[in-house]
Protein backbone atom coordinates (compact mmCIF):
# COMPACT_ATOMS: atom_id res chain seq x y z
CA MET A 1 44.53 311.92 138.14
CA PRO A 2 42.66 308.96 136.50
CA TYR A 3 41.77 307.53 139.90
CA VAL A 4 39.72 310.77 141.03
CA THR A 5 37.68 311.03 137.76
CA SER A 6 36.95 307.41 137.29
CA MET A 7 35.70 307.07 140.89
CA PRO A 8 32.31 308.59 140.24
CA LYS A 9 32.09 306.32 137.08
CA LEU A 10 32.92 303.27 139.40
CA VAL A 11 30.15 304.25 141.89
CA ALA A 12 27.60 304.87 139.08
CA ALA A 13 28.37 301.48 137.60
CA SER A 14 28.21 299.67 140.94
CA VAL A 15 24.87 301.19 141.49
CA LEU A 16 23.85 300.15 138.02
CA CYS A 17 24.62 296.62 138.74
CA ILE A 18 23.10 296.42 142.11
CA ALA A 19 19.91 298.06 140.75
CA LEU A 20 19.97 295.24 137.86
CA ALA A 21 20.66 292.68 140.08
CA LEU A 22 17.73 293.63 142.33
CA VAL A 23 15.42 293.97 139.21
CA SER A 24 16.24 290.57 138.05
CA CYS A 25 16.06 289.06 141.77
CA GLY A 26 12.37 290.46 141.61
CA GLU A 27 11.66 289.17 138.35
CA SER A 28 12.97 285.54 139.22
CA GLN A 29 10.95 285.63 142.31
CA LYS A 30 7.92 286.41 140.22
CA ASN A 31 8.60 283.68 137.92
CA ASP A 32 9.14 281.09 140.83
CA VAL A 33 5.76 282.19 142.19
CA ALA A 34 4.20 281.85 138.82
CA ALA A 35 5.89 278.45 138.26
CA THR A 36 4.82 277.21 141.70
CA ARG A 37 1.07 278.20 141.21
CA ASP A 38 1.28 276.26 137.96
CA ARG A 39 2.71 273.25 139.67
CA ILE A 40 0.38 273.58 142.54
CA ALA A 41 -2.72 273.62 140.11
CA GLU A 42 -1.26 270.57 138.27
CA ALA A 43 -1.03 268.72 141.75
CA LEU A 44 -4.65 269.54 142.16
CA ASP A 45 -5.47 268.37 138.91
CA ASP A 46 -3.63 265.24 139.54
CA VAL A 47 -5.48 264.39 142.78
CA ARG A 48 -8.74 265.00 141.01
CA ALA A 49 -7.93 262.60 138.32
CA SER A 50 -6.81 259.96 140.78
CA VAL A 51 -10.00 260.30 142.78
CA SER A 52 -12.06 260.14 139.41
CA SER A 53 -10.22 257.06 138.25
CA GLY A 54 -10.80 255.46 141.56
CA ASN A 55 -7.04 254.76 142.08
CA ALA A 56 -6.58 254.91 145.82
CA GLY A 57 -2.77 254.12 145.41
CA ARG A 58 -2.29 257.21 143.18
CA VAL A 59 -4.11 259.48 145.52
CA CYS A 60 -2.05 258.82 148.44
CA ALA A 61 1.15 259.19 146.35
CA GLU A 62 -0.38 262.47 145.09
CA LEU A 63 -0.63 263.93 148.93
CA GLY A 64 1.79 265.08 151.12
CA THR A 65 2.61 263.54 154.63
CA GLY A 66 0.44 265.76 156.45
CA ALA A 67 -2.67 265.00 154.09
CA ARG A 68 -1.98 261.22 154.08
CA ASP A 69 -1.93 261.21 158.05
CA GLN A 70 -5.31 262.96 157.94
CA VAL A 71 -6.95 260.42 155.70
CA SER A 72 -5.83 257.54 157.92
CA ARG A 73 -6.93 259.50 161.12
CA LEU A 74 -10.26 260.61 159.65
CA ALA A 75 -10.95 257.10 158.22
CA HIS A 76 -9.98 255.36 161.40
CA THR A 77 -7.56 253.24 159.28
CA ASN A 78 -3.77 252.41 159.58
CA THR A 79 -2.74 253.76 156.40
CA CYS A 80 -3.76 256.33 153.69
CA LEU A 81 -4.37 253.41 151.32
CA GLU A 82 -7.00 251.94 153.44
CA GLY A 83 -8.63 255.14 154.12
CA VAL A 84 -8.83 256.42 150.62
CA THR A 85 -9.94 252.92 149.15
CA MET A 86 -12.83 253.13 151.93
CA LEU A 87 -13.58 256.93 151.05
CA LEU A 88 -13.56 256.01 147.24
CA LYS A 89 -16.12 253.47 147.94
CA GLY A 90 -18.24 255.80 149.61
CA LEU A 91 -18.01 258.05 147.08
CA LYS A 92 -19.23 255.44 144.40
CA THR A 93 -22.17 254.46 146.72
CA GLY A 94 -22.92 257.70 148.16
CA ARG A 95 -25.53 260.38 147.21
CA LYS A 96 -25.64 261.75 143.39
CA GLY A 97 -23.56 264.62 142.61
CA THR A 98 -20.78 263.67 144.71
CA ARG A 99 -17.51 264.91 143.10
CA MET A 100 -14.39 266.78 143.53
CA PRO A 101 -15.05 270.52 142.98
CA ASN A 102 -13.12 272.48 140.41
CA ALA A 103 -10.54 274.71 142.04
CA GLU A 104 -8.30 277.60 140.64
CA VAL A 105 -5.30 278.45 142.33
CA SER A 106 -5.52 282.53 142.41
CA LYS A 107 -2.42 283.15 144.82
CA VAL A 108 0.54 281.52 146.20
CA LYS A 109 2.90 282.49 149.00
CA ILE A 110 5.87 280.41 149.24
CA SER A 111 8.00 279.78 152.33
CA GLY A 112 10.89 277.34 151.64
CA ARG A 113 9.61 273.91 151.09
CA GLY A 114 6.27 274.95 151.91
CA ALA A 115 3.56 277.20 150.29
CA VAL A 116 0.11 278.47 151.03
CA ALA A 117 -2.17 278.49 148.11
CA THR A 118 -5.43 280.44 147.68
CA LEU A 119 -7.95 278.44 145.84
CA ASP A 120 -11.29 279.89 144.21
CA VAL A 121 -13.77 277.08 144.72
CA GLY A 122 -17.53 277.77 143.82
CA GLY A 123 -17.12 281.36 144.64
CA GLU A 124 -15.42 280.99 147.81
CA SER A 125 -11.60 281.31 148.71
CA ILE A 126 -9.76 278.95 150.87
CA ARG A 127 -6.29 278.91 151.91
CA LEU A 128 -4.44 275.38 151.70
CA PRO A 129 -0.98 274.34 152.67
CA PHE A 130 1.09 272.40 150.30
CA THR A 131 4.58 271.00 150.73
CA GLU A 132 7.27 270.11 148.31
CA GLU A 133 8.16 266.44 148.60
CA ASP A 134 10.15 264.39 146.20
CA GLY A 135 10.48 267.45 143.79
CA ARG A 136 6.82 267.85 143.45
CA TRP A 137 4.04 270.18 145.22
CA LYS A 138 1.43 268.09 147.22
CA LEU A 139 -1.58 268.91 149.38
CA ASP A 140 -0.23 269.03 153.08
CA SER A 141 -3.67 269.22 154.83
CA PHE A 142 -7.25 269.26 153.88
CA TYR A 143 -7.88 271.78 156.48
CA GLY A 144 -7.96 275.55 155.19
CA LEU A 145 -6.06 278.00 156.97
CA ASN A 146 -9.02 280.38 157.29
CA PRO A 147 -12.12 278.46 157.26
CA LYS A 148 -15.36 280.28 157.30
CA PRO A 149 -18.80 278.87 156.81
CA SER A 150 -20.51 279.54 153.76
CA VAL A 151 -23.95 279.02 154.94
CA ALA A 152 -25.40 280.16 158.17
CA ILE A 153 -26.36 276.91 160.33
CA PRO A 154 -29.88 277.69 161.92
């Protein structure tokens, strides 16, 4: 009876296929997280370069919808472009040493078209939301998800 003797082999082969699929799925997820971490780091570099060059239009193009709305609200302007232009003028005429700090992306948690990135900035860790828009990851909010003061206020 070939059916009876081949049944254990079939079960073993099925278990092996499932195991391989699960391993490759896990590997794919690891690759997705690593690729997303790299793309978010690139997005941060693009924002930093746009701010450094003073290109307000490019800064707004590098931000997600939520961050663009925040800029216009915080600057009390109608658009992100007006708000960033005003903020860039303030950076140029502001106190010495005003610059965007370097940030390293240490962790990323992806959820659909959104992600939360943990950034290491000057010895502090902050978590910021990012969104995927137009095929690119963009900062979606300037507010960290776990803000904690780094210096006590007297």
